[in-house]
Amino acid sequence: MSSDKEQEYFSDGISEEILNVLAKIPKLQVTSRSSAFAYKDTKINISEVAKILGVKTYSKAV
């Protein structure tokens, strides 16, 4: 990637695609993109975001 903005756009696209694929699994409840991305540029840690959104299980990139 040639810039941080391009890399951000690319990673957002991958994240959105993962959400879309997971949402197709019948017994899996997936948080909406708008809810998940609302915390993208905040300093709130993922555990706290999960509590706010009522999420029981989450995945994070390393």
N, C-alpha and C. Protein backbone atom coordinates (compact mmCIF):
# COMPACT_ATOMS: atom_id res chain seq x y z
N MET A 1 0.84 -1.18 0.00
CA MET A 1 0.00 0.00 0.00
C MET A 1 0.89 1.24 0.00
N SER A 2 0.43 2.25 -0.69
CA SER A 2 1.27 3.44 -0.82
C SER A 2 0.98 4.51 0.23
N SER A 3 -0.14 4.42 0.91
CA SER A 3 -0.42 5.42 1.95
C SER A 3 -1.25 4.81 3.07
N ASP A 4 -1.24 5.49 4.20
CA ASP A 4 -2.03 5.02 5.34
C ASP A 4 -3.52 5.00 5.02
N LYS A 5 -3.99 5.99 4.26
CA LYS A 5 -5.41 6.04 3.89
C LYS A 5 -5.80 4.85 3.02
N GLU A 6 -4.93 4.48 2.08
CA GLU A 6 -5.20 3.32 1.24
C GLU A 6 -5.21 2.05 2.07
N GLN A 7 -4.29 1.94 2.99
CA GLN A 7 -4.22 0.77 3.86
C GLN A 7 -5.46 0.70 4.76
N GLU A 8 -5.89 1.83 5.26
CA GLU A 8 -7.10 1.87 6.09
C GLU A 8 -8.32 1.46 5.28
N TYR A 9 -8.44 1.97 4.06
CA TYR A 9 -9.55 1.62 3.18
C TYR A 9 -9.56 0.12 2.91
N PHE A 10 -8.39 -0.44 2.64
CA PHE A 10 -8.25 -1.87 2.36
C PHE A 10 -8.65 -2.69 3.59
N SER A 11 -8.14 -2.34 4.76
CA SER A 11 -8.45 -3.11 5.97
C SER A 11 -9.92 -2.97 6.37
N ASP A 12 -10.51 -1.80 6.16
CA ASP A 12 -11.94 -1.62 6.42
C ASP A 12 -12.76 -2.53 5.50
N GLY A 13 -12.34 -2.63 4.25
CA GLY A 13 -13.04 -3.49 3.30
C GLY A 13 -12.98 -4.95 3.70
N ILE A 14 -11.82 -5.39 4.15
CA ILE A 14 -11.67 -6.77 4.61
C ILE A 14 -12.55 -7.01 5.85
N SER A 15 -12.52 -6.07 6.78
CA SER A 15 -13.35 -6.20 7.99
C SER A 15 -14.83 -6.28 7.64
N GLU A 16 -15.26 -5.45 6.72
CA GLU A 16 -16.66 -5.46 6.32
C GLU A 16 -17.03 -6.77 5.64
N GLU A 17 -16.14 -7.29 4.82
CA GLU A 17 -16.41 -8.56 4.15
C GLU A 17 -16.50 -9.71 5.16
N ILE A 18 -15.63 -9.71 6.16
CA ILE A 18 -15.69 -10.73 7.21
C ILE A 18 -17.03 -10.64 7.94
N LEU A 19 -17.46 -9.43 8.28
CA LEU A 19 -18.77 -9.25 8.93
C LEU A 19 -19.89 -9.80 8.06
N ASN A 20 -19.84 -9.52 6.76
CA ASN A 20 -20.88 -9.99 5.84
C ASN A 20 -20.92 -11.51 5.76
N VAL A 21 -19.76 -12.14 5.70
CA VAL A 21 -19.70 -13.61 5.63
C VAL A 21 -20.22 -14.22 6.93
N LEU A 22 -19.78 -13.69 8.06
CA LEU A 22 -20.22 -14.23 9.35
C LEU A 22 -21.73 -14.04 9.54
N ALA A 23 -22.27 -12.94 9.05
CA ALA A 23 -23.70 -12.65 9.20
C ALA A 23 -24.57 -13.66 8.46
N LYS A 24 -24.00 -14.37 7.50
CA LYS A 24 -24.76 -15.37 6.73
C LYS A 24 -24.88 -16.70 7.48
N ILE A 25 -24.16 -16.86 8.57
CA ILE A 25 -24.24 -18.09 9.35
C ILE A 25 -25.49 -18.00 10.22
N PRO A 26 -26.46 -18.90 10.00
CA PRO A 26 -27.78 -18.79 10.64
C PRO A 26 -27.77 -18.64 12.16
N LYS A 27 -26.98 -19.38 12.87
CA LYS A 27 -27.03 -19.34 14.34
C LYS A 27 -26.06 -18.35 14.96
N LEU A 28 -25.46 -17.53 14.13
CA LEU A 28 -24.48 -16.55 14.61
C LEU A 28 -25.09 -15.16 14.54
N GLN A 29 -25.04 -14.44 15.63
CA GLN A 29 -25.55 -13.07 15.66
C GLN A 29 -24.35 -12.13 15.55
N VAL A 30 -24.34 -11.31 14.53
CA VAL A 30 -23.20 -10.44 14.24
C VAL A 30 -23.60 -8.98 14.43
N THR A 31 -22.75 -8.23 15.13
CA THR A 31 -22.97 -6.80 15.33
C THR A 31 -22.91 -6.09 13.98
N SER A 32 -23.75 -5.10 13.79
CA SER A 32 -23.78 -4.38 12.52
C SER A 32 -22.47 -3.64 12.27
N ARG A 33 -22.21 -3.37 11.00
CA ARG A 33 -21.00 -2.65 10.62
C ARG A 33 -20.98 -1.27 11.27
N SER A 34 -22.11 -0.58 11.23
CA SER A 34 -22.13 0.78 11.78
C SER A 34 -21.86 0.77 13.29
N SER A 35 -22.38 -0.22 14.00
CA SER A 35 -22.10 -0.32 15.44
C SER A 35 -20.64 -0.64 15.69
N ALA A 36 -20.11 -1.60 14.96
CA ALA A 36 -18.72 -2.01 15.15
C ALA A 36 -17.75 -0.89 14.77
N PHE A 37 -17.99 -0.24 13.64
CA PHE A 37 -17.07 0.79 13.15
C PHE A 37 -17.18 2.11 13.92
N ALA A 38 -18.25 2.28 14.70
CA ALA A 38 -18.41 3.51 15.48
C ALA A 38 -17.28 3.70 16.48
N TYR A 39 -16.64 2.61 16.87
CA TYR A 39 -15.57 2.67 17.87
C TYR A 39 -14.18 2.55 17.26
N LYS A 40 -14.11 2.57 15.94
CA LYS A 40 -12.85 2.33 15.22
C LYS A 40 -11.72 3.27 15.63
N ASP A 41 -11.97 4.53 15.72
CA ASP A 41 -10.91 5.50 16.01
C ASP A 41 -10.94 6.02 17.45
N THR A 42 -11.47 5.22 18.35
CA THR A 42 -11.53 5.62 19.75
C THR A 42 -10.43 4.93 20.54
N LYS A 43 -10.22 5.39 21.73
CA LYS A 43 -9.22 4.79 22.62
C LYS A 43 -9.82 3.71 23.52
N ILE A 44 -11.12 3.44 23.35
CA ILE A 44 -11.79 2.44 24.17
C ILE A 44 -11.28 1.05 23.76
N ASN A 45 -10.89 0.24 24.75
CA ASN A 45 -10.37 -1.08 24.39
C ASN A 45 -11.49 -2.02 23.97
N ILE A 46 -11.12 -3.07 23.27
CA ILE A 46 -12.09 -3.97 22.65
C ILE A 46 -13.00 -4.64 23.67
N SER A 47 -12.49 -4.93 24.86
CA SER A 47 -13.32 -5.55 25.91
C SER A 47 -14.45 -4.62 26.33
N GLU A 48 -14.15 -3.35 26.45
CA GLU A 48 -15.17 -2.37 26.83
C GLU A 48 -16.18 -2.17 25.71
N VAL A 49 -15.72 -2.13 24.47
CA VAL A 49 -16.64 -2.01 23.33
C VAL A 49 -17.58 -3.21 23.31
N ALA A 50 -17.04 -4.39 23.55
CA ALA A 50 -17.87 -5.60 23.58
C ALA A 50 -18.97 -5.49 24.63
N LYS A 51 -18.62 -4.98 25.80
CA LYS A 51 -19.62 -4.80 26.87
C LYS A 51 -20.70 -3.80 26.44
N ILE A 52 -20.27 -2.69 25.86
CA ILE A 52 -21.21 -1.65 25.41
C ILE A 52 -22.19 -2.21 24.38
N LEU A 53 -21.68 -3.03 23.45
CA LEU A 53 -22.50 -3.56 22.37
C LEU A 53 -23.23 -4.85 22.76
N GLY A 54 -22.96 -5.36 23.96
CA GLY A 54 -23.60 -6.60 24.39
C GLY A 54 -23.06 -7.83 23.67
N VAL A 55 -21.80 -7.78 23.33
CA VAL A 55 -21.15 -8.87 22.59
C VAL A 55 -20.56 -9.86 23.59
N LYS A 56 -20.81 -11.15 23.35
CA LYS A 56 -20.28 -12.19 24.24
C LYS A 56 -18.92 -12.68 23.78
N THR A 57 -18.74 -12.81 22.47
CA THR A 57 -17.49 -13.32 21.91
C THR A 57 -17.06 -12.41 20.77
N TYR A 58 -15.77 -12.13 20.69
CA TYR A 58 -15.27 -11.29 19.62
C TYR A 58 -13.92 -11.79 19.14
N SER A 59 -13.54 -11.29 17.98
CA SER A 59 -12.26 -11.64 17.38
C SER A 59 -11.49 -10.34 17.16
N LYS A 60 -10.19 -10.40 17.33
CA LYS A 60 -9.39 -9.20 17.05
C LYS A 60 -8.14 -9.58 16.29
N ALA A 61 -7.69 -8.66 15.46
CA ALA A 61 -6.45 -8.88 14.70
C ALA A 61 -5.27 -8.63 15.62
N VAL A 62 -4.20 -9.30 15.33
CA VAL A 62 -3.00 -9.14 16.14
C VAL A 62 -1.97 -8.31 15.41
